[in-house]
Amino acid sequence: MNVKVEKIENNVVKLEISVDNEKFSEALKKSYAKNAKKFNIPGFRKGKAPVSIIKKYYGEGVFYEDAINFCCDDTYPLAIKENNIRPVDYPQIDIVQLGEGKDFIYTAQVTVYPEIELGEYKNLEVKKVEYNVTDEEIDAQLKSMQEKNSRVETKTEGTLEKGNIAVIDFKGFIDGVAFEGGEGKDYSLEIGSGTFIDNFEDQLIGMAVGETKNVNVTFPEQYGREELNGKPAVFEVTLKEIKVKELPALDDEFAKEVSEFDTLEELKADIRKKLQDANDLRAKREYEEAVIDAAVANVKVDIPEVMINKEIDNMLRDLEMRLRYQGLDLKTYYEYTNNTEASVREYMKESAEKRVKTDLVLDKIAKTENIEATEEELQSKAAELAKQYGEKDVEKTTKLILDAQKDYLKLDVVNEKVIKLLVDSSKAIA
């Protein structure tokens, strides 16, 4: 096999690959063995007709297609490996010379990983933000805990007030016609929660149990259903019951009931610590991203469009998977958001380009700094994942992960080490 490499344009190369006639003859024999049984030749049982007879009936090139595929499959991977070419897409194959007794010659034009010119990536000055826990955040946590431990009782006197829970029957009409999905029975609605559209909840305030009232609202322009977007509607609402929440007092007894602490002050201190730990982790992640962004900003690279499109494909698959967990699909998502696949792809393009560029930069820095993953690090990462899966036999699961996901683990470990290098060498500024 002989290979000539020609750079066609930025990030595109063409390989001219010559396969000697003996190799091509072997490929023709494999093609005959694969396809002989397909041919029906008078006087011969299926699969027993000689090559010469089959060629006479079906033409000289009857076995060429599979022979070409065999040759390309055998030689193309070797050609790119020997010439240190990293393709990002399937090659475009064109035949240059073909025929029995001749060398088989073909070209493979392919988009390759772009050349990257790193800029400064060490000693970067990056702004670091700190997030401190406020008393309001602690109060909000305590309020949430109160809500979870509240009692709901029926209100026997008076009218509906903000903060009450209304049990209602309702039916919606547009231009006097009931619409699909606009009806509910014994629906519990907390007044002031903003659950319903427009000022629906406010119009119920002051109603008495047993009262029926027409509530006038307007659907948002981007509600997500074409027949409802921006439309005025009337809801016939009957108030069937009023409920009120009884919140427990915030005191030491409350702390004992909802936690392992004996006093409210100890509970507050624990809440503050957990919130601060979460804030510190958030600040750490944001700083890492800022350092990476700063390194990426100093890079010169021309990213092939095919790499961006592939990343958008990955993002769409991730979106589809998340939607499935919610019982939806992409088609429904497009309908509810008034989008098309083309518009969503366009929206994702900037993020996809940033992801691809970041991955390329991290990979280039790793190679420049000779950063690799050791077997011990891979073992540790696999064991960490095995524990997260909650498997009983961690050792067995660790081995399975190592066998099935070794390339992913290597990438993960190397990227972590590169990010640590960038962060450790950076200078945090306020």
Protein backbone atom coordinates (compact mmCIF):
# COMPACT_ATOMS: atom_id res chain seq x y z
CA MET A 1 0.00 0.00 0.00
CA ASN A 2 1.28 3.44 -0.99
CA VAL A 3 -0.22 6.65 0.36
CA LYS A 4 0.12 10.25 -0.85
CA VAL A 5 -1.28 13.00 1.38
CA GLU A 6 -2.36 16.38 0.01
CA LYS A 7 -3.77 19.28 2.02
CA ILE A 8 -6.80 20.48 0.09
CA GLU A 9 -7.84 23.37 2.33
CA ASN A 10 -7.82 24.26 6.00
CA ASN A 11 -8.72 21.11 7.99
CA VAL A 12 -9.30 19.01 4.85
CA VAL A 13 -6.83 16.48 3.42
CA LYS A 14 -6.95 14.09 0.51
CA LEU A 15 -5.21 10.72 0.65
CA GLU A 16 -4.44 8.86 -2.57
CA ILE A 17 -4.14 5.21 -1.61
CA SER A 18 -2.74 2.58 -3.96
CA VAL A 19 -3.50 -1.08 -3.27
CA ASP A 20 -1.40 -3.56 -5.26
CA ASN A 21 -3.23 -5.82 -7.70
CA GLU A 22 -2.60 -8.96 -5.60
CA LYS A 23 -4.48 -7.47 -2.65
CA PHE A 24 -7.29 -6.41 -4.93
CA SER A 25 -7.44 -9.93 -6.41
CA GLU A 26 -7.81 -11.32 -2.87
CA ALA A 27 -10.65 -8.84 -2.26
CA LEU A 28 -12.35 -10.05 -5.46
CA LYS A 29 -12.14 -13.63 -4.20
CA LYS A 30 -13.74 -12.57 -0.88
CA SER A 31 -16.46 -10.80 -2.83
CA TYR A 32 -17.10 -13.96 -4.89
CA ALA A 33 -17.29 -16.08 -1.70
CA LYS A 34 -19.77 -13.62 -0.22
CA ASN A 35 -22.02 -13.24 -3.25
CA ALA A 36 -21.78 -16.48 -5.27
CA LYS A 37 -24.98 -17.94 -3.80
CA LYS A 38 -26.98 -14.94 -4.97
CA PHE A 39 -26.54 -15.75 -8.64
CA ASN A 40 -28.88 -18.09 -10.54
CA ILE A 41 -26.98 -19.54 -13.50
CA PRO A 42 -28.65 -22.17 -15.73
CA GLY A 43 -26.90 -25.54 -15.39
CA PHE A 44 -25.26 -24.73 -12.06
CA ARG A 45 -26.43 -25.10 -8.49
CA LYS A 46 -26.56 -21.86 -6.49
CA GLY A 47 -23.09 -20.92 -5.31
CA LYS A 48 -21.34 -23.39 -7.63
CA ALA A 49 -21.03 -21.36 -10.82
CA PRO A 50 -17.43 -20.41 -11.58
CA VAL A 51 -16.33 -16.77 -11.57
CA SER A 52 -15.90 -16.66 -15.36
CA ILE A 53 -19.48 -17.80 -15.99
CA ILE A 54 -20.94 -15.31 -13.49
CA LYS A 55 -18.96 -12.50 -15.14
CA LYS A 56 -20.24 -13.57 -18.55
CA TYR A 57 -23.86 -13.35 -17.36
CA TYR A 58 -23.66 -10.30 -15.07
CA GLY A 59 -20.72 -8.27 -16.32
CA GLU A 60 -17.04 -7.84 -15.55
CA GLY A 61 -17.59 -5.60 -12.52
CA VAL A 62 -20.17 -7.74 -10.74
CA PHE A 63 -17.86 -8.32 -7.73
CA TYR A 64 -16.25 -4.88 -7.70
CA GLU A 65 -18.51 -3.14 -5.15
CA ASP A 66 -17.77 -5.49 -2.25
CA ALA A 67 -14.11 -5.83 -3.30
CA ILE A 68 -13.78 -2.04 -3.14
CA ASN A 69 -15.38 -2.00 0.30
CA PHE A 70 -13.05 -4.76 1.52
CA CYS A 71 -10.00 -2.89 0.28
CA CYS A 72 -11.08 0.47 1.69
CA ASP A 73 -11.97 -1.06 5.06
CA ASP A 74 -8.55 -2.71 5.25
CA THR A 75 -6.39 0.15 3.99
CA TYR A 76 -8.01 3.44 4.98
CA PRO A 77 -7.59 2.94 8.78
CA LEU A 78 -3.93 1.98 8.23
CA ALA A 79 -3.35 4.98 5.97
CA ILE A 80 -4.64 7.53 8.48
CA LYS A 81 -2.77 5.85 11.34
CA GLU A 82 0.56 5.76 9.50
CA ASN A 83 0.21 9.44 8.53
CA ASN A 84 -1.00 10.65 11.96
CA ILE A 85 -4.29 11.90 10.56
CA ARG A 86 -7.23 12.42 12.96
CA PRO A 87 -10.48 12.44 10.99
CA VAL A 88 -13.60 14.07 12.41
CA ASP A 89 -15.97 12.62 9.83
CA TYR A 90 -16.38 9.80 7.33
CA PRO A 91 -14.22 10.17 4.20
CA GLN A 92 -15.48 10.93 0.71
CA ILE A 93 -14.22 8.05 -1.43
CA ASP A 94 -13.51 8.41 -5.17
CA ILE A 95 -12.13 5.68 -7.42
CA VAL A 96 -9.08 6.59 -9.50
CA GLN A 97 -8.17 3.20 -11.02
CA LEU A 98 -10.08 -0.06 -11.00
CA GLY A 99 -9.76 -3.32 -12.89
CA GLU A 100 -8.49 -6.87 -12.68
CA GLY A 101 -4.75 -7.15 -13.00
CA LYS A 102 -4.31 -3.48 -12.02
CA ASP A 103 -3.46 -1.77 -8.79
CA PHE A 104 -6.60 -0.45 -7.12
CA ILE A 105 -6.23 3.31 -6.55
CA TYR A 106 -8.68 5.51 -4.70
CA THR A 107 -8.76 8.86 -2.96
CA ALA A 108 -10.22 9.58 0.48
CA GLN A 109 -10.99 13.21 1.20
CA VAL A 110 -11.67 13.84 4.87
CA THR A 111 -12.08 16.66 7.37
CA VAL A 112 -9.47 16.43 10.12
CA TYR A 113 -8.99 17.82 13.60
CA PRO A 114 -7.92 21.46 13.32
CA GLU A 115 -4.49 22.78 14.13
CA ILE A 116 -4.50 24.69 17.41
CA GLU A 117 -2.20 27.55 18.31
CA LEU A 118 -2.24 27.86 22.10
CA GLY A 119 -1.91 31.28 23.67
CA GLU A 120 -1.16 31.99 27.32
CA TYR A 121 -2.85 29.45 29.56
CA LYS A 122 -0.81 29.70 32.74
CA ASN A 123 -0.68 32.55 35.26
CA LEU A 124 -4.02 33.86 34.03
CA GLU A 125 -5.66 36.58 36.11
CA VAL A 126 -9.29 35.63 36.66
CA LYS A 127 -12.01 37.23 38.74
CA LYS A 128 -13.19 35.09 41.64
CA VAL A 129 -16.65 35.59 43.10
CA GLU A 130 -17.62 34.60 46.63
CA TYR A 131 -21.17 33.80 47.67
CA ASN A 132 -21.97 34.38 51.31
CA VAL A 133 -25.09 33.02 52.97
CA THR A 134 -27.62 35.65 54.04
CA ASP A 135 -30.07 35.55 56.96
CA GLU A 136 -32.87 35.74 54.37
CA GLU A 137 -31.69 32.46 52.81
CA ILE A 138 -31.72 30.75 56.21
CA ASP A 139 -35.21 32.13 56.92
CA ALA A 140 -36.38 30.80 53.54
CA GLN A 141 -35.05 27.33 54.41
CA LEU A 142 -36.83 27.41 57.75
CA LYS A 143 -40.00 28.61 56.04
CA SER A 144 -39.81 25.67 53.65
CA MET A 145 -39.37 23.29 56.59
CA GLN A 146 -42.40 24.89 58.25
CA GLU A 147 -44.44 24.38 55.09
CA LYS A 148 -43.48 20.70 54.92
CA ASN A 149 -44.54 20.20 58.52
CA SER A 150 -47.72 22.28 58.34
CA ARG A 151 -51.24 21.06 59.01
CA VAL A 152 -54.09 21.82 56.63
CA GLU A 153 -57.52 22.41 58.14
CA THR A 154 -60.88 23.38 56.69
CA LYS A 155 -61.88 27.01 57.13
CA THR A 156 -65.51 27.02 58.32
CA GLU A 157 -66.14 30.75 58.43
CA GLY A 158 -65.30 33.79 56.32
CA THR A 159 -64.27 34.16 52.70
CA LEU A 160 -61.25 33.17 50.60
CA GLU A 161 -58.06 35.10 51.42
CA LYS A 162 -54.55 35.23 50.01
CA GLY A 163 -52.56 32.28 51.35
CA ASN A 164 -55.67 30.09 51.68
CA ILE A 165 -56.09 26.91 49.66
CA ALA A 166 -59.17 26.96 47.43
CA VAL A 167 -60.78 23.67 46.38
CA ILE A 168 -62.51 24.53 43.11
CA ASP A 169 -64.33 23.18 40.08
CA PHE A 170 -63.61 25.19 36.93
CA LYS A 171 -64.37 25.18 33.22
CA GLY A 172 -62.80 27.46 30.62
CA PHE A 173 -64.43 28.99 27.55
CA ILE A 174 -63.10 30.93 24.56
CA ASP A 175 -65.75 32.81 22.59
CA GLY A 176 -68.36 30.85 24.52
CA VAL A 177 -66.92 27.44 23.55
CA ALA A 178 -65.29 25.12 26.10
CA PHE A 179 -61.70 24.23 25.16
CA GLU A 180 -59.71 21.05 25.69
CA GLY A 181 -57.75 20.90 28.95
CA GLY A 182 -59.65 23.82 30.46
CA GLU A 183 -61.68 21.87 33.01
CA GLY A 184 -60.88 20.64 36.52
CA LYS A 185 -62.73 19.05 39.44
CA ASP A 186 -61.82 19.37 43.14
CA TYR A 187 -58.64 21.21 42.20
CA SER A 188 -56.56 22.54 45.15
CA LEU A 189 -55.14 25.98 44.38
CA GLU A 190 -53.08 28.02 46.82
CA ILE A 191 -54.08 31.65 46.36
CA GLY A 192 -51.01 33.77 45.67
CA SER A 193 -48.87 30.88 44.39
CA GLY A 194 -49.00 32.13 40.80
CA THR A 195 -49.94 28.66 39.60
CA PHE A 196 -52.69 29.86 37.24
CA ILE A 197 -52.33 32.38 34.42
CA ASP A 198 -52.83 36.13 34.55
CA ASN A 199 -54.75 37.37 37.63
CA PHE A 200 -56.94 34.27 37.93
CA GLU A 201 -56.12 33.73 41.63
CA ASP A 202 -56.63 37.37 42.64
CA GLN A 203 -60.16 37.32 41.23
CA LEU A 204 -61.12 34.47 43.57
CA ILE A 205 -60.27 36.43 46.72
CA GLY A 206 -63.42 37.24 48.70
CA MET A 207 -65.45 34.31 47.39
CA ALA A 208 -67.52 32.25 49.82
CA VAL A 209 -67.91 28.47 49.82
CA GLY A 210 -70.63 27.44 47.35
CA GLU A 211 -70.29 30.63 45.30
CA THR A 212 -69.82 30.50 41.51
CA LYS A 213 -68.02 33.26 39.64
CA ASN A 214 -66.86 34.04 36.10
CA VAL A 215 -63.12 34.79 36.01
CA ASN A 216 -61.76 36.70 33.00
CA VAL A 217 -58.14 36.13 31.95
CA THR A 218 -55.92 36.36 28.90
CA PHE A 219 -53.52 33.58 27.91
CA PRO A 220 -49.87 34.63 27.35
CA GLU A 221 -48.80 35.16 23.74
CA GLN A 222 -46.27 32.31 24.08
CA TYR A 223 -48.47 29.96 26.11
CA GLY A 224 -47.42 27.00 23.96
CA ARG A 225 -50.74 26.06 22.37
CA GLU A 226 -51.61 27.77 19.10
CA GLU A 227 -55.35 27.80 19.82
CA LEU A 228 -54.79 29.50 23.21
CA ASN A 229 -51.84 31.86 22.60
CA GLY A 230 -52.88 35.42 23.49
CA LYS A 231 -56.59 34.54 23.64
CA PRO A 232 -59.05 36.02 26.20
CA ALA A 233 -60.90 33.34 28.15
CA VAL A 234 -63.67 33.06 30.74
CA PHE A 235 -63.49 30.45 33.51
CA GLU A 236 -66.63 29.45 35.38
CA VAL A 237 -65.34 28.74 38.90
CA THR A 238 -67.19 27.20 41.84
CA LEU A 239 -65.56 27.41 45.28
CA LYS A 240 -66.25 24.13 47.09
CA GLU A 241 -63.99 24.41 50.13
CA ILE A 242 -61.49 26.74 51.80
CA LYS A 243 -58.46 25.32 53.59
CA VAL A 244 -55.85 27.04 55.73
CA LYS A 245 -52.32 26.02 56.65
CA GLU A 246 -51.34 25.86 60.30
CA LEU A 247 -47.58 26.43 60.48
CA PRO A 248 -45.64 25.12 63.50
CA ALA A 249 -43.86 27.68 65.67
CA LEU A 250 -40.16 28.18 65.04
CA ASP A 251 -38.68 27.18 68.37
CA ASP A 252 -36.47 24.54 70.00
CA GLU A 253 -39.31 22.00 69.93
CA PHE A 254 -39.61 22.48 66.18
CA ALA A 255 -35.85 21.90 65.78
CA LYS A 256 -36.09 18.65 67.77
CA GLU A 257 -38.99 17.40 65.63
CA VAL A 258 -37.46 18.10 62.22
CA SER A 259 -33.72 17.48 62.87
CA GLU A 260 -31.14 15.87 65.10
CA PHE A 261 -30.53 19.18 66.91
CA ASP A 262 -31.87 20.23 70.32
CA THR A 263 -32.13 23.97 69.69
CA LEU A 264 -33.26 26.27 66.90
CA GLU A 265 -29.89 28.02 66.92
CA GLU A 266 -28.08 24.72 66.27
CA LEU A 267 -30.47 24.01 63.39
CA LYS A 268 -29.83 27.46 61.93
CA ALA A 269 -26.07 26.94 62.21
CA ASP A 270 -26.35 23.64 60.36
CA ILE A 271 -28.47 25.22 57.62
CA ARG A 272 -25.91 28.03 57.26
CA LYS A 273 -23.04 25.54 56.96
CA LYS A 274 -24.79 23.45 54.31
CA LEU A 275 -25.77 26.52 52.30
CA GLN A 276 -22.23 27.89 52.55
CA ASP A 277 -20.74 24.57 51.43
CA ALA A 278 -23.04 24.65 48.40
CA ASN A 279 -22.08 28.28 47.71
CA ASP A 280 -18.37 27.46 47.98
CA LEU A 281 -18.78 24.58 45.52
CA ARG A 282 -20.68 26.90 43.15
CA ALA A 283 -17.91 29.51 43.41
CA LYS A 284 -15.26 26.84 42.79
CA ARG A 285 -17.04 25.56 39.66
CA GLU A 286 -17.58 29.07 38.33
CA TYR A 287 -13.92 29.95 38.89
CA GLU A 288 -12.81 26.81 37.06
CA GLU A 289 -15.07 27.71 34.12
CA ALA A 290 -13.73 31.27 34.12
CA VAL A 291 -10.12 30.03 34.04
CA ILE A 292 -10.92 27.62 31.19
CA ASP A 293 -12.73 30.38 29.28
CA ALA A 294 -9.71 32.66 29.72
CA ALA A 295 -7.37 29.99 28.32
CA VAL A 296 -9.73 29.25 25.42
CA ALA A 297 -10.01 32.97 24.59
CA ASN A 298 -6.24 33.08 23.90
CA VAL A 299 -6.34 30.26 21.34
CA LYS A 300 -6.29 30.49 17.56
CA VAL A 301 -8.23 27.71 15.84
CA ASP A 302 -10.54 27.28 12.87
CA ILE A 303 -13.15 24.70 13.88
CA PRO A 304 -14.62 22.58 11.06
CA GLU A 305 -18.38 22.98 10.68
CA VAL A 306 -18.84 19.22 10.82
CA MET A 307 -17.50 19.14 14.41
CA ILE A 308 -20.01 21.78 15.49
CA ASN A 309 -22.87 19.94 13.78
CA LYS A 310 -21.90 16.69 15.49
CA GLU A 311 -21.91 18.42 18.86
CA ILE A 312 -25.37 19.85 18.11
CA ASP A 313 -26.46 16.27 17.30
CA ASN A 314 -25.20 15.21 20.74
CA MET A 315 -27.02 18.11 22.42
CA LEU A 316 -30.27 17.19 20.66
CA ARG A 317 -29.91 13.57 21.79
CA ASP A 318 -29.39 14.76 25.37
CA LEU A 319 -32.48 16.97 25.10
CA GLU A 320 -34.51 14.08 23.71
CA MET A 321 -33.40 11.83 26.59
CA ARG A 322 -34.40 14.45 29.19
CA LEU A 323 -37.77 14.90 27.49
CA ARG A 324 -38.41 11.15 27.58
CA TYR A 325 -38.04 11.19 31.37
CA GLN A 326 -40.90 13.72 31.36
CA GLY A 327 -43.03 11.61 29.01
CA LEU A 328 -42.42 13.93 26.05
CA ASP A 329 -40.60 13.80 22.73
CA LEU A 330 -38.88 16.29 20.43
CA LYS A 331 -41.93 16.72 18.19
CA THR A 332 -44.11 17.70 21.16
CA TYR A 333 -41.34 19.98 22.45
CA TYR A 334 -41.15 21.78 19.08
CA GLU A 335 -44.93 22.25 19.06
CA TYR A 336 -45.17 23.62 22.61
CA THR A 337 -42.24 26.00 22.18
CA ASN A 338 -43.19 27.13 18.65
CA ASN A 339 -39.83 25.91 17.34
CA THR A 340 -38.51 23.71 14.58
CA GLU A 341 -35.46 21.45 14.58
CA ALA A 342 -33.69 24.03 12.40
CA SER A 343 -34.37 26.89 14.85
CA VAL A 344 -33.30 24.79 17.87
CA ARG A 345 -30.09 23.75 16.07
CA GLU A 346 -29.36 27.40 15.32
CA TYR A 347 -29.98 28.31 18.98
CA MET A 348 -27.60 25.54 20.11
CA LYS A 349 -24.85 26.47 17.65
CA GLU A 350 -22.99 28.97 19.84
CA SER A 351 -22.93 26.62 22.84
CA ALA A 352 -21.87 23.70 20.62
CA GLU A 353 -18.98 25.70 19.17
CA LYS A 354 -17.85 26.69 22.66
CA ARG A 355 -17.94 23.06 23.85
CA VAL A 356 -15.96 21.83 20.85
CA LYS A 357 -13.37 24.59 21.18
CA THR A 358 -12.99 23.93 24.92
CA ASP A 359 -12.51 20.19 24.35
CA LEU A 360 -9.89 20.88 21.68
CA VAL A 361 -8.00 23.28 23.93
CA LEU A 362 -7.98 20.93 26.93
CA ASP A 363 -6.74 18.13 24.66
CA LYS A 364 -3.98 20.33 23.21
CA ILE A 365 -2.81 21.48 26.67
CA ALA A 366 -2.75 17.86 27.85
CA LYS A 367 -0.48 16.90 24.95
CA THR A 368 1.71 19.97 25.40
CA GLU A 369 2.15 19.27 29.12
CA ASN A 370 2.42 15.48 28.63
CA ILE A 371 -0.54 14.92 30.94
CA GLU A 372 -1.80 11.34 30.96
CA ALA A 373 -4.02 9.13 33.09
CA THR A 374 -2.29 6.43 35.13
CA GLU A 375 -3.80 2.99 35.69
CA GLU A 376 -4.20 3.82 39.39
CA GLU A 377 -6.16 6.98 38.52
CA LEU A 378 -8.41 5.07 36.11
CA GLN A 379 -9.02 2.42 38.78
CA SER A 380 -9.89 5.10 41.32
CA LYS A 381 -12.26 6.89 38.93
CA ALA A 382 -14.01 3.64 38.02
CA ALA A 383 -14.40 2.73 41.71
CA GLU A 384 -15.85 6.18 42.38
CA LEU A 385 -18.47 5.64 39.64
CA ALA A 386 -19.22 2.13 40.92
CA LYS A 387 -20.00 3.53 44.37
CA GLN A 388 -22.28 6.17 42.83
CA TYR A 389 -24.23 3.43 41.06
CA GLY A 390 -24.91 1.91 44.48
CA GLU A 391 -23.86 -1.58 43.42
CA LYS A 392 -23.21 -4.11 46.19
CA ASP A 393 -20.23 -5.69 44.47
CA VAL A 394 -18.14 -2.55 43.95
CA GLU A 395 -15.06 -4.47 42.83
CA LYS A 396 -16.94 -6.31 40.08
CA THR A 397 -18.70 -3.13 38.92
CA THR A 398 -15.39 -1.26 38.90
CA LYS A 399 -13.90 -3.86 36.54
CA LEU A 400 -16.94 -3.71 34.27
CA ILE A 401 -16.67 0.08 34.08
CA LEU A 402 -12.95 -0.13 33.32
CA ASP A 403 -13.57 -2.61 30.51
CA ALA A 404 -16.51 -0.77 28.96
CA GLN A 405 -15.63 2.90 29.51
CA LYS A 406 -11.84 3.12 29.62
CA ASP A 407 -11.57 5.80 26.92
CA TYR A 408 -14.20 7.93 28.67
CA LEU A 409 -12.41 7.49 32.01
CA LYS A 410 -9.08 8.52 30.45
CA LEU A 411 -10.63 11.66 28.99
CA ASP A 412 -12.29 12.51 32.30
CA VAL A 413 -9.12 12.02 34.36
CA VAL A 414 -6.91 13.92 31.91
CA ASN A 415 -9.35 16.85 31.71
CA GLU A 416 -9.51 17.04 35.51
CA LYS A 417 -5.71 17.19 35.66
CA VAL A 418 -5.54 19.87 32.96
CA ILE A 419 -8.16 21.99 34.74
CA LYS A 420 -6.24 21.62 38.02
CA LEU A 421 -3.07 22.79 36.25
CA LEU A 422 -4.88 25.86 34.90
CA VAL A 423 -6.50 26.71 38.23
CA ASP A 424 -3.36 26.13 40.33
CA SER A 425 -1.31 28.40 38.10
CA SER A 426 -3.97 31.14 37.88
CA LYS A 427 -4.20 34.32 39.94
CA ALA A 428 -7.57 35.07 41.53
CA ILE A 429 -8.56 38.73 41.54
CA ALA A 430 -11.51 40.34 43.30
